């Protein structure tokens, strides 16, 4: 199981999360690309820290929504989404190349993620942006979602993701953040869910039903309170349960990376 987290989300003097502590634990880093968070210096420092630790770098693309942290849905034409994705991946790839690494995958953020998971047209627009940059780059999206199938139908590698610190609805979607209990912060609960997701491929939904998951990566949000400590607990629990924690098996030399 790959363990990923959102990082690089500070902006100027506004600080969010403890990226270096999180990067000590995870195997993949969803790095903000400037549209929802992350100024150029923050991104350079974050990618450098990830490269120093051997953590795989992914581009976390978003709606252009700095004020709303990318968590407000927007009505954009497919061509706009495609161009926005291409712009963001290219920007982060340039920074990654300068640190002798590269972008290994793409993951939408926030409202764009949730929209893409349920709306195949939005997922296809994201996939087109990725394809135009590098058709070999995988896209990480909610396991079992229609959007993930749309990414695969577009000819790209779509990888399923699960969330240890988010509540699930019975249909396998994430509970909207505006609803109480959508974000889980109790360490014991998050750890238990993480082990069950990784070992059994399932999660208990808010109504008590069991949802099957086909996921290769597990996300812990970098802006969750105590994110670094929570990541350490999850990593230790997965190790204790005999679950191998490692980057995606498809890891390769990305386009533009220095050898």
C-alpha atoms as a PDB file:
ATOM      1  CA  UNK A   1       0.000   0.000   0.000  1.00  0.00           C
ATOM      2  CA  UNK A   2       1.232   3.450  -0.919  1.00  0.00           C
ATOM      3  CA  UNK A   3       0.731   6.149   1.715  1.00  0.00           C
ATOM      4  CA  UNK A   4       0.227   9.666   0.389  1.00  0.00           C
ATOM      5  CA  UNK A   5      -0.408  13.108   1.866  1.00  0.00           C
ATOM      6  CA  UNK A   6      -1.187  16.600   0.622  1.00  0.00           C
ATOM      7  CA  UNK A   7       1.812  18.892   1.082  1.00  0.00           C
ATOM      8  CA  UNK A   8       3.157  22.204  -0.166  1.00  0.00           C
ATOM      9  CA  UNK A   9      -0.052  23.979   0.803  1.00  0.00           C
ATOM     10  CA  UNK A  10       1.419  26.940   2.657  1.00  0.00           C
ATOM     11  CA  UNK A  11       1.238  30.298   0.899  1.00  0.00           C
ATOM     12  CA  UNK A  12       3.548  33.223   1.636  1.00  0.00           C
ATOM     13  CA  UNK A  13       3.471  33.922   5.358  1.00  0.00           C
ATOM     14  CA  UNK A  14       0.441  31.645   5.859  1.00  0.00           C
ATOM     15  CA  UNK A  15       1.633  28.248   7.076  1.00  0.00           C
ATOM     16  CA  UNK A  16      -0.286  24.992   6.854  1.00  0.00           C
ATOM     17  CA  UNK A  17       0.863  21.649   8.207  1.00  0.00           C
ATOM     18  CA  UNK A  18       4.293  20.231   9.021  1.00  0.00           C
ATOM     19  CA  UNK A  19       5.401  19.041   5.598  1.00  0.00           C
ATOM     20  CA  UNK A  20       8.844  17.778   6.549  1.00  0.00           C
ATOM     21  CA  UNK A  21       7.495  15.649   9.392  1.00  0.00           C
ATOM     22  CA  UNK A  22       4.800  14.208   7.107  1.00  0.00           C
ATOM     23  CA  UNK A  23       7.351  13.520   4.368  1.00  0.00           C
ATOM     24  CA  UNK A  24       9.388  11.480   6.858  1.00  0.00           C
ATOM     25  CA  UNK A  25       6.501   8.976   6.941  1.00  0.00           C
ATOM     26  CA  UNK A  26       4.645   8.863   3.616  1.00  0.00           C
ATOM     27  CA  UNK A  27       5.794   7.297   0.366  1.00  0.00           C
ATOM     28  CA  UNK A  28       4.081   9.709  -2.046  1.00  0.00           C
ATOM     29  CA  UNK A  29       3.548  13.470  -1.847  1.00  0.00           C
ATOM     30  CA  UNK A  30       0.610  15.257  -3.477  1.00  0.00           C
ATOM     31  CA  UNK A  31       2.248  18.637  -4.015  1.00  0.00           C
ATOM     32  CA  UNK A  32       0.055  21.695  -4.534  1.00  0.00           C
ATOM     33  CA  UNK A  33       0.607  23.444  -7.853  1.00  0.00           C
ATOM     34  CA  UNK A  34      -0.318  27.026  -6.996  1.00  0.00           C
ATOM     35  CA  UNK A  35      -4.000  27.072  -7.945  1.00  0.00           C
ATOM     36  CA  UNK A  36      -5.425  26.246  -4.508  1.00  0.00           C
ATOM     37  CA  UNK A  37      -2.293  26.754  -2.417  1.00  0.00           C
ATOM     38  CA  UNK A  38       1.468  26.806  -2.658  1.00  0.00           C
ATOM     39  CA  UNK A  39       3.694  29.694  -3.731  1.00  0.00           C
ATOM     40  CA  UNK A  40       6.785  28.981  -5.879  1.00  0.00           C
ATOM     41  CA  UNK A  41       9.236  29.001  -2.960  1.00  0.00           C
ATOM     42  CA  UNK A  42       7.012  26.697  -0.916  1.00  0.00           C
ATOM     43  CA  UNK A  43       6.762  24.280  -3.828  1.00  0.00           C
ATOM     44  CA  UNK A  44      10.522  24.312  -4.394  1.00  0.00           C
ATOM     45  CA  UNK A  45      11.192  23.603  -0.724  1.00  0.00           C
ATOM     46  CA  UNK A  46       8.547  20.879  -0.603  1.00  0.00           C
ATOM     47  CA  UNK A  47       9.733  19.058  -3.716  1.00  0.00           C
ATOM     48  CA  UNK A  48      13.336  19.324  -2.518  1.00  0.00           C
ATOM     49  CA  UNK A  49      12.395  17.804   0.851  1.00  0.00           C
ATOM     50  CA  UNK A  50      10.494  14.996  -0.874  1.00  0.00           C
ATOM     51  CA  UNK A  51      13.403  14.246  -3.209  1.00  0.00           C
ATOM     52  CA  UNK A  52      15.852  14.127  -0.301  1.00  0.00           C
ATOM     53  CA  UNK A  53      13.688  11.481   1.367  1.00  0.00           C
ATOM     54  CA  UNK A  54      13.016   9.414  -1.733  1.00  0.00           C
ATOM     55  CA  UNK A  55       9.321  10.287  -1.608  1.00  0.00           C
ATOM     56  CA  UNK A  56       7.493  10.113  -4.953  1.00  0.00           C
ATOM     57  CA  UNK A  57       6.202  13.493  -6.139  1.00  0.00           C
ATOM     58  CA  UNK A  58       2.744  13.897  -7.638  1.00  0.00           C
ATOM     59  CA  UNK A  59       1.034  17.018  -8.980  1.00  0.00           C
ATOM     60  CA  UNK A  60      -2.060  17.947  -7.001  1.00  0.00           C
ATOM     61  CA  UNK A  61      -4.117  19.930  -9.493  1.00  0.00           C
ATOM     62  CA  UNK A  62      -7.058  22.103  -8.528  1.00  0.00           C
ATOM     63  CA  UNK A  63      -9.671  24.574  -9.603  1.00  0.00           C
ATOM     64  CA  UNK A  64      -8.221  28.120  -9.676  1.00  0.00           C
ATOM     65  CA  UNK A  65      -9.474  28.935  -6.170  1.00  0.00           C
ATOM     66  CA  UNK A  66      -6.866  30.277  -3.767  1.00  0.00           C
ATOM     67  CA  UNK A  67      -9.421  31.999  -1.540  1.00  0.00           C
ATOM     68  CA  UNK A  68     -11.514  28.853  -1.126  1.00  0.00           C
ATOM     69  CA  UNK A  69      -8.519  26.497  -0.894  1.00  0.00           C
ATOM     70  CA  UNK A  70      -9.857  24.664  -3.949  1.00  0.00           C
ATOM     71  CA  UNK A  71     -12.830  23.339  -2.009  1.00  0.00           C
ATOM     72  CA  UNK A  72     -15.523  25.304  -3.861  1.00  0.00           C
ATOM     73  CA  UNK A  73     -17.077  23.672  -6.907  1.00  0.00           C
ATOM     74  CA  UNK A  74     -16.746  25.634 -10.143  1.00  0.00           C
ATOM     75  CA  UNK A  75     -18.456  25.366 -13.498  1.00  0.00           C
ATOM     76  CA  UNK A  76     -15.607  25.301 -16.010  1.00  0.00           C
ATOM     77  CA  UNK A  77     -15.693  24.170 -19.611  1.00  0.00           C
ATOM     78  CA  UNK A  78     -13.796  20.929 -20.288  1.00  0.00           C
ATOM     79  CA  UNK A  79     -11.224  22.851 -22.344  1.00  0.00           C
ATOM     80  CA  UNK A  80     -10.541  25.131 -19.361  1.00  0.00           C
ATOM     81  CA  UNK A  81     -10.044  22.178 -17.027  1.00  0.00           C
ATOM     82  CA  UNK A  82      -7.698  20.523 -19.504  1.00  0.00           C
ATOM     83  CA  UNK A  83      -5.639  23.707 -19.871  1.00  0.00           C
ATOM     84  CA  UNK A  84      -5.563  24.300 -16.108  1.00  0.00           C
ATOM     85  CA  UNK A  85      -4.304  20.767 -15.496  1.00  0.00           C
ATOM     86  CA  UNK A  86      -1.639  21.065 -18.179  1.00  0.00           C
ATOM     87  CA  UNK A  87      -0.498  24.404 -16.754  1.00  0.00           C
ATOM     88  CA  UNK A  88      -0.212  23.090 -13.197  1.00  0.00           C
ATOM     89  CA  UNK A  89       1.560  19.844 -14.064  1.00  0.00           C
ATOM     90  CA  UNK A  90       4.021  21.710 -16.249  1.00  0.00           C
ATOM     91  CA  UNK A  91       4.786  24.236 -13.522  1.00  0.00           C
ATOM     92  CA  UNK A  92       5.451  21.595 -10.873  1.00  0.00           C
ATOM     93  CA  UNK A  93       7.443  19.474 -13.330  1.00  0.00           C
ATOM     94  CA  UNK A  94       9.788  22.399 -13.938  1.00  0.00           C
ATOM     95  CA  UNK A  95      10.421  22.761 -10.213  1.00  0.00           C
ATOM     96  CA  UNK A  96      10.823  18.996  -9.839  1.00  0.00           C
ATOM     97  CA  UNK A  97      13.352  18.858 -12.659  1.00  0.00           C
ATOM     98  CA  UNK A  98      15.452  21.474 -10.885  1.00  0.00           C
ATOM     99  CA  UNK A  99      15.600  19.214  -7.814  1.00  0.00           C
ATOM    100  CA  UNK A 100      16.635  16.166  -9.866  1.00  0.00           C
ATOM    101  CA  UNK A 101      13.309  14.436  -9.577  1.00  0.00           C
ATOM    102  CA  UNK A 102      10.068  14.624 -11.542  1.00  0.00           C
ATOM    103  CA  UNK A 103       6.288  14.364 -11.427  1.00  0.00           C
ATOM    104  CA  UNK A 104       5.257  10.702 -11.210  1.00  0.00           C
ATOM    105  CA  UNK A 105       1.459  10.995 -11.056  1.00  0.00           C
ATOM    106  CA  UNK A 106      -1.417  13.475 -10.995  1.00  0.00           C
ATOM    107  CA  UNK A 107      -4.129  13.784  -8.369  1.00  0.00           C
ATOM    108  CA  UNK A 108      -6.982  16.317  -8.349  1.00  0.00           C
ATOM    109  CA  UNK A 109      -7.608  18.304  -5.181  1.00  0.00           C
ATOM    110  CA  UNK A 110     -10.692  19.211  -3.200  1.00  0.00           C
ATOM    111  CA  UNK A 111     -13.782  20.139  -5.174  1.00  0.00           C
ATOM    112  CA  UNK A 112     -12.161  19.155  -8.459  1.00  0.00           C
ATOM    113  CA  UNK A 113     -11.407  15.708  -7.018  1.00  0.00           C
ATOM    114  CA  UNK A 114     -14.958  15.171  -5.808  1.00  0.00           C
ATOM    115  CA  UNK A 115     -16.447  16.469  -9.048  1.00  0.00           C
ATOM    116  CA  UNK A 116     -14.167  14.288 -11.150  1.00  0.00           C
ATOM    117  CA  UNK A 117     -14.987  11.218  -9.061  1.00  0.00           C
ATOM    118  CA  UNK A 118     -18.709  11.536  -9.783  1.00  0.00           C
ATOM    119  CA  UNK A 119     -18.635  13.298 -13.194  1.00  0.00           C
ATOM    120  CA  UNK A 120     -16.964  11.323 -16.012  1.00  0.00           C
ATOM    121  CA  UNK A 121     -16.851  14.418 -18.249  1.00  0.00           C
ATOM    122  CA  UNK A 122     -14.722  16.312 -15.721  1.00  0.00           C
ATOM    123  CA  UNK A 123     -12.526  13.263 -15.180  1.00  0.00           C
ATOM    124  CA  UNK A 124     -12.041  12.984 -18.942  1.00  0.00           C
ATOM    125  CA  UNK A 125     -11.059  16.663 -19.136  1.00  0.00           C
ATOM    126  CA  UNK A 126      -8.440  16.101 -16.440  1.00  0.00           C
ATOM    127  CA  UNK A 127      -7.215  13.014 -18.251  1.00  0.00           C
ATOM    128  CA  UNK A 128      -6.838  15.015 -21.465  1.00  0.00           C
ATOM    129  CA  UNK A 129      -4.638  17.549 -19.707  1.00  0.00           C
ATOM    130  CA  UNK A 130      -2.470  14.757 -18.329  1.00  0.00           C
ATOM    131  CA  UNK A 131      -2.345  13.017 -21.714  1.00  0.00           C
ATOM    132  CA  UNK A 132      -1.125  16.162 -23.435  1.00  0.00           C
ATOM    133  CA  UNK A 133       1.733  16.448 -20.973  1.00  0.00           C
ATOM    134  CA  UNK A 134       2.637  12.766 -20.683  1.00  0.00           C
ATOM    135  CA  UNK A 135       0.183   9.929 -21.430  1.00  0.00           C
ATOM    136  CA  UNK A 136       2.197   7.588 -19.213  1.00  0.00           C
ATOM    137  CA  UNK A 137       1.427   9.569 -16.057  1.00  0.00           C
ATOM    138  CA  UNK A 138      -1.161   7.808 -13.844  1.00  0.00           C
ATOM    139  CA  UNK A 139      -4.107   9.658 -12.363  1.00  0.00           C
ATOM    140  CA  UNK A 140      -5.041   8.991  -8.736  1.00  0.00           C
ATOM    141  CA  UNK A 141      -8.778   9.135  -8.028  1.00  0.00           C
ATOM    142  CA  UNK A 142     -11.383   7.710  -5.664  1.00  0.00           C
ATOM    143  CA  UNK A 143     -11.466   3.902  -5.812  1.00  0.00           C
ATOM    144  CA  UNK A 144     -14.595   2.528  -7.451  1.00  0.00           C
ATOM    145  CA  UNK A 145     -15.764   5.903  -8.775  1.00  0.00           C
ATOM    146  CA  UNK A 146     -17.243   6.578 -12.237  1.00  0.00           C
ATOM    147  CA  UNK A 147     -14.506   9.157 -12.753  1.00  0.00           C
ATOM    148  CA  UNK A 148     -11.783   6.569 -12.281  1.00  0.00           C
ATOM    149  CA  UNK A 149     -13.353   4.451 -15.011  1.00  0.00           C
ATOM    150  CA  UNK A 150     -13.521   7.528 -17.266  1.00  0.00           C
ATOM    151  CA  UNK A 151      -9.788   8.086 -16.798  1.00  0.00           C
ATOM    152  CA  UNK A 152      -9.132   4.502 -17.817  1.00  0.00           C
ATOM    153  CA  UNK A 153     -11.516   4.785 -20.778  1.00  0.00           C
ATOM    154  CA  UNK A 154      -9.447   7.768 -21.935  1.00  0.00           C
ATOM    155  CA  UNK A 155      -6.456   5.463 -22.222  1.00  0.00           C
ATOM    156  CA  UNK A 156      -4.613   6.553 -19.095  1.00  0.00           C
ATOM    157  CA  UNK A 157      -3.654   4.549 -16.041  1.00  0.00           C
ATOM    158  CA  UNK A 158      -6.229   5.213 -13.345  1.00  0.00           C
ATOM    159  CA  UNK A 159      -5.240   4.249  -9.805  1.00  0.00           C
ATOM    160  CA  UNK A 160      -7.735   3.817  -6.971  1.00  0.00           C
ATOM    161  CA  UNK A 161      -7.301   5.768  -3.760  1.00  0.00           C
ATOM    162  CA  UNK A 162      -8.839   5.433  -0.302  1.00  0.00           C
ATOM    163  CA  UNK A 163      -8.989   7.835   2.654  1.00  0.00           C
ATOM    164  CA  UNK A 164      -8.261   6.766   6.209  1.00  0.00           C
ATOM    165  CA  UNK A 165      -9.392  10.086   7.702  1.00  0.00           C
ATOM    166  CA  UNK A 166     -12.641  10.643   5.782  1.00  0.00           C
ATOM    167  CA  UNK A 167     -16.131   9.236   6.283  1.00  0.00           C
ATOM    168  CA  UNK A 168     -17.700   7.234   3.439  1.00  0.00           C
ATOM    169  CA  UNK A 169     -21.291   7.142   2.251  1.00  0.00           C
ATOM    170  CA  UNK A 170     -22.870   3.753   1.432  1.00  0.00           C
ATOM    171  CA  UNK A 171     -22.296   4.292  -2.306  1.00  0.00           C
ATOM    172  CA  UNK A 172     -18.546   4.624  -1.802  1.00  0.00           C
ATOM    173  CA  UNK A 173     -18.378   8.398  -2.075  1.00  0.00           C
ATOM    174  CA  UNK A 174     -16.724  10.624   0.507  1.00  0.00           C
ATOM    175  CA  UNK A 175     -19.086  12.415   2.856  1.00  0.00           C
ATOM    176  CA  UNK A 176     -19.161  16.157   2.027  1.00  0.00           C
ATOM    177  CA  UNK A 177     -16.957  18.179   4.354  1.00  0.00           C
ATOM    178  CA  UNK A 178     -19.901  20.388   5.322  1.00  0.00           C
ATOM    179  CA  UNK A 179     -21.531  17.422   7.062  1.00  0.00           C
ATOM    180  CA  UNK A 180     -20.653  16.606  10.699  1.00  0.00           C
ATOM    181  CA  UNK A 181     -18.167  13.770  11.075  1.00  0.00           C
ATOM    182  CA  UNK A 182     -16.935  13.947   7.478  1.00  0.00           C
ATOM    183  CA  UNK A 183     -13.328  14.393   8.630  1.00  0.00           C
ATOM    184  CA  UNK A 184     -12.091  11.879  11.202  1.00  0.00           C
ATOM    185  CA  UNK A 185      -9.564  13.030  13.774  1.00  0.00           C
ATOM    186  CA  UNK A 186      -9.666  10.313  16.454  1.00  0.00           C
ATOM    187  CA  UNK A 187      -6.311   8.511  16.092  1.00  0.00           C
ATOM    188  CA  UNK A 188      -7.607   5.094  17.153  1.00  0.00           C
ATOM    189  CA  UNK A 189     -10.454   5.246  14.652  1.00  0.00           C
ATOM    190  CA  UNK A 190      -8.247   6.421  11.798  1.00  0.00           C
ATOM    191  CA  UNK A 191      -5.612   3.781  12.499  1.00  0.00           C
ATOM    192  CA  UNK A 192      -8.182   0.970  12.669  1.00  0.00           C
ATOM    193  CA  UNK A 193      -9.761   2.098   9.399  1.00  0.00           C
ATOM    194  CA  UNK A 194      -6.381   2.338   7.720  1.00  0.00           C
ATOM    195  CA  UNK A 195      -5.452  -1.228   8.626  1.00  0.00           C
ATOM    196  CA  UNK A 196      -8.837  -2.575   7.516  1.00  0.00           C
ATOM    197  CA  UNK A 197      -8.630  -0.703   4.220  1.00  0.00           C
ATOM    198  CA  UNK A 198      -5.150  -1.998   3.476  1.00  0.00           C
ATOM    199  CA  UNK A 199      -5.529  -5.543   4.762  1.00  0.00           C
ATOM    200  CA  UNK A 200      -9.161  -6.315   3.874  1.00  0.00           C
ATOM    201  CA  UNK A 201      -9.916  -3.804   1.134  1.00  0.00           C
ATOM    202  CA  UNK A 202     -13.023  -2.458   2.828  1.00  0.00           C
ATOM    203  CA  UNK A 203     -14.376   0.373   4.969  1.00  0.00           C
ATOM    204  CA  UNK A 204     -17.456   0.844   7.137  1.00  0.00           C
ATOM    205  CA  UNK A 205     -19.757   3.567   5.778  1.00  0.00           C
ATOM    206  CA  UNK A 206     -21.696   6.061   7.900  1.00  0.00           C
ATOM    207  CA  UNK A 207     -24.784   3.806   7.922  1.00  0.00           C
ATOM    208  CA  UNK A 208     -22.813   0.782   9.115  1.00  0.00           C
ATOM    209  CA  UNK A 209     -22.673  -0.959   5.738  1.00  0.00           C
ATOM    210  CA  UNK A 210     -19.373  -2.265   4.384  1.00  0.00           C
ATOM    211  CA  UNK A 211     -17.966  -0.737   1.208  1.00  0.00           C
ATOM    212  CA  UNK A 212     -15.445  -2.685  -0.846  1.00  0.00           C
ATOM    213  CA  UNK A 213     -12.349  -0.767  -1.965  1.00  0.00           C
ATOM    214  CA  UNK A 214      -9.828  -1.529  -4.688  1.00  0.00           C
ATOM    215  CA  UNK A 215      -7.142   0.971  -3.769  1.00  0.00           C
ATOM    216  CA  UNK A 216      -3.382   1.069  -4.246  1.00  0.00           C
ATOM    217  CA  UNK A 217      -2.838   4.288  -2.292  1.00  0.00           C
ATOM    218  CA  UNK A 218      -4.138   5.662   1.003  1.00  0.00           C
ATOM    219  CA  UNK A 219      -4.425   9.380   1.727  1.00  0.00           C
ATOM    220  CA  UNK A 220      -3.938  11.243   4.981  1.00  0.00           C
ATOM    221  CA  UNK A 221      -4.707  14.941   4.665  1.00  0.00           C
ATOM    222  CA  UNK A 222      -1.841  17.254   5.532  1.00  0.00           C
ATOM    223  CA  UNK A 223      -4.214  19.842   7.001  1.00  0.00           C
ATOM    224  CA  UNK A 224      -5.873  17.417   9.428  1.00  0.00           C
ATOM    225  CA  UNK A 225      -5.061  18.396  13.047  1.00  0.00           C
ATOM    226  CA  UNK A 226      -1.991  16.460  14.196  1.00  0.00           C
ATOM    227  CA  UNK A 227      -1.397  15.153  10.668  1.00  0.00           C
ATOM    228  CA  UNK A 228       2.254  14.215  11.221  1.00  0.00           C
ATOM    229  CA  UNK A 229       1.554  12.260  14.414  1.00  0.00           C
ATOM    230  CA  UNK A 230      -1.418  10.584  12.766  1.00  0.00           C
ATOM    231  CA  UNK A 231       0.684   9.580   9.777  1.00  0.00           C
ATOM    232  CA  UNK A 232       3.286   8.030  12.058  1.00  0.00           C
ATOM    233  CA  UNK A 233       0.621   6.027  13.893  1.00  0.00           C
ATOM    234  CA  UNK A 234      -0.905   4.777  10.635  1.00  0.00           C
ATOM    235  CA  UNK A 235       2.485   3.817   9.239  1.00  0.00           C
ATOM    236  CA  UNK A 236       3.393   1.933  12.403  1.00  0.00           C
ATOM    237  CA  UNK A 237       0.052   0.115  12.439  1.00  0.00           C
ATOM    238  CA  UNK A 238       0.399  -0.951   8.809  1.00  0.00           C
ATOM    239  CA  UNK A 239       3.917  -2.215   9.505  1.00  0.00           C
ATOM    240  CA  UNK A 240       2.681  -4.119  12.562  1.00  0.00           C
ATOM    241  CA  UNK A 241      -0.128  -5.669  10.501  1.00  0.00           C
ATOM    242  CA  UNK A 242       2.372  -6.915   7.923  1.00  0.00           C
ATOM    243  CA  UNK A 243       1.134  -4.579   5.192  1.00  0.00           C
ATOM    244  CA  UNK A 244       4.029  -3.548   2.926  1.00  0.00           C
ATOM    245  CA  UNK A 245       4.155   0.247   2.623  1.00  0.00           C
ATOM    246  CA  UNK A 246       5.875   1.355  -0.560  1.00  0.00           C
ATOM    247  CA  UNK A 247       5.453   3.714  -3.516  1.00  0.00           C
ATOM    248  CA  UNK A 248       3.456   2.620  -6.531  1.00  0.00           C
ATOM    249  CA  UNK A 249       4.983  -0.341  -8.346  1.00  0.00           C
ATOM    250  CA  UNK A 250       4.879   1.597 -11.634  1.00  0.00           C
ATOM    251  CA  UNK A 251       7.407   4.195 -10.488  1.00  0.00           C
ATOM    252  CA  UNK A 252       9.641   5.195 -13.389  1.00  0.00           C
ATOM    253  CA  UNK A 253      11.899   7.976 -14.615  1.00  0.00           C
ATOM    254  CA  UNK A 254       9.443  10.758 -15.488  1.00  0.00           C
ATOM    255  CA  UNK A 255       9.799  12.942 -18.551  1.00  0.00           C
ATOM    256  CA  UNK A 256      12.205  15.799 -17.969  1.00  0.00           C
ATOM    257  CA  UNK A 257      13.861  14.376 -14.831  1.00  0.00           C
ATOM    258  CA  UNK A 258      17.631  14.644 -14.653  1.00  0.00           C
ATOM    259  CA  UNK A 259      19.534  11.394 -14.455  1.00  0.00           C
END
